Amino acid sequence: MNNYKRTFVASSEIFSGYKVDIDIRRIETLEDIVEIFIRDLQSVLKKYNLEALLDKLNYGNEWHIHSHTLDEILTSNVDELFYVCNHCNVNSELEVTIL
């Protein structure tokens, strides 16, 4: 078991359940997590030519983590799940808009 991996799951009407394991040694901010998560999802959609879903991902989505702080993620149990959300109206510095 890798003690540095954390699992991030999409909390989204369209992409619900999509999971990405991220090495927490590679991140410095919550925005880093969101960017890695989105890049991974984009690569899967491109690989399988899911163009309509790629369009849905790329336009008009504000992805963010609002349930945990970075410190909580870094010190969490390796089995804990964290949600990357795009379906609520949270106005905070944690939002990352994908264009």
Protein backbone atom coordinates (compact mmCIF):
# COMPACT_ATOMS: atom_id res chain seq x y z
CA MET A 1 0.00 0.00 0.00
CA ASN A 2 1.27 3.47 -0.91
CA ASN A 3 1.01 5.84 2.05
CA TYR A 4 1.28 8.87 -0.25
CA LYS A 5 -1.70 8.14 -2.50
CA ARG A 6 -5.13 9.62 -1.86
CA THR A 7 -8.27 8.87 -3.84
CA PHE A 8 -10.29 11.74 -5.29
CA VAL A 9 -13.78 11.11 -6.66
CA ALA A 10 -15.92 13.28 -8.93
CA SER A 11 -18.99 14.69 -7.27
CA SER A 12 -20.71 15.67 -10.49
CA GLU A 13 -23.98 15.15 -12.31
CA ILE A 14 -22.16 13.88 -15.42
CA PHE A 15 -18.85 12.48 -14.14
CA SER A 16 -20.00 11.10 -10.79
CA GLY A 17 -17.87 8.27 -9.50
CA TYR A 18 -14.78 8.94 -11.62
CA LYS A 19 -11.76 8.26 -9.39
CA VAL A 20 -8.15 9.38 -9.52
CA ASP A 21 -5.38 8.37 -7.14
CA ILE A 22 -3.01 11.29 -6.58
CA ASP A 23 0.39 11.22 -4.90
CA ILE A 24 0.18 13.90 -2.22
CA ARG A 25 3.93 14.52 -2.53
CA ARG A 26 3.13 16.16 -5.91
CA ILE A 27 0.73 18.79 -4.57
CA GLU A 28 1.06 22.10 -2.79
CA THR A 29 -2.50 23.44 -3.04
CA LEU A 30 -6.06 22.24 -3.45
CA GLU A 31 -5.93 23.72 -6.96
CA ASP A 32 -3.07 21.32 -7.77
CA ILE A 33 -5.32 18.40 -6.87
CA VAL A 34 -8.14 19.71 -9.04
CA GLU A 35 -5.80 20.29 -12.00
CA ILE A 36 -4.33 16.76 -11.77
CA PHE A 37 -7.83 15.30 -11.43
CA ILE A 38 -9.14 17.18 -14.48
CA ARG A 39 -6.09 16.36 -16.62
CA ASP A 40 -6.57 12.67 -15.84
CA LEU A 41 -10.26 12.79 -16.72
CA GLN A 42 -9.50 14.71 -19.93
CA SER A 43 -6.93 12.12 -21.00
CA VAL A 44 -9.42 9.26 -20.53
CA LEU A 45 -12.12 11.10 -22.49
CA LYS A 46 -9.64 11.87 -25.30
CA LYS A 47 -8.31 8.29 -25.36
CA TYR A 48 -11.78 6.89 -25.98
CA ASN A 49 -12.91 9.74 -28.28
CA LEU A 50 -15.72 10.77 -25.96
CA GLU A 51 -15.98 14.18 -27.58
CA ALA A 52 -19.40 15.19 -26.23
CA LEU A 53 -18.26 14.42 -22.68
CA LEU A 54 -14.99 16.24 -23.28
CA ASP A 55 -16.98 19.29 -24.36
CA LYS A 56 -19.09 19.03 -21.19
CA LEU A 57 -15.90 18.86 -19.12
CA ASN A 58 -14.13 21.73 -20.85
CA TYR A 59 -16.89 24.34 -20.94
CA GLY A 60 -18.68 25.94 -18.04
CA ASN A 61 -17.48 23.75 -15.19
CA GLU A 62 -16.10 25.09 -11.94
CA TRP A 63 -14.35 22.24 -10.15
CA HIS A 64 -13.34 22.61 -6.52
CA ILE A 65 -12.77 20.87 -3.21
CA HIS A 66 -14.80 22.40 -0.41
CA SER A 67 -15.14 19.56 2.06
CA HIS A 68 -11.51 19.38 3.28
CA THR A 69 -8.53 21.62 3.70
CA LEU A 70 -5.16 20.74 2.22
CA ASP A 71 -3.83 19.92 5.69
CA GLU A 72 -6.73 17.53 6.31
CA ILE A 73 -5.98 15.74 3.05
CA LEU A 74 -2.24 15.53 3.71
CA THR A 75 -2.75 14.05 7.18
CA SER A 76 -5.70 11.83 6.32
CA ASN A 77 -6.04 8.08 6.43
CA VAL A 78 -4.92 6.46 3.18
CA ASP A 79 -8.37 4.84 2.75
CA GLU A 80 -10.35 8.08 2.98
CA LEU A 81 -12.11 9.41 -0.13
CA PHE A 82 -12.15 13.10 -1.12
CA TYR A 83 -14.64 14.66 -3.49
CA VAL A 84 -13.91 17.05 -6.35
CA CYS A 85 -17.16 18.87 -6.99
CA ASN A 86 -18.59 20.76 -9.97
CA HIS A 87 -22.30 20.91 -9.23
CA CYS A 88 -22.73 23.47 -6.50
CA ASN A 89 -22.35 27.22 -6.30
CA VAL A 90 -19.41 27.60 -3.96
CA ASN A 91 -17.70 30.95 -4.35
CA SER A 92 -14.26 30.50 -2.87
CA GLU A 93 -10.61 30.55 -3.72
CA LEU A 94 -10.74 26.77 -4.14
CA GLU A 95 -12.55 26.88 -7.47
CA VAL A 96 -10.73 26.04 -10.67
CA THR A 97 -12.51 26.87 -13.89
CA ILE A 98 -11.64 24.63 -16.82
CA LEU A 99 -11.80 26.41 -20.15
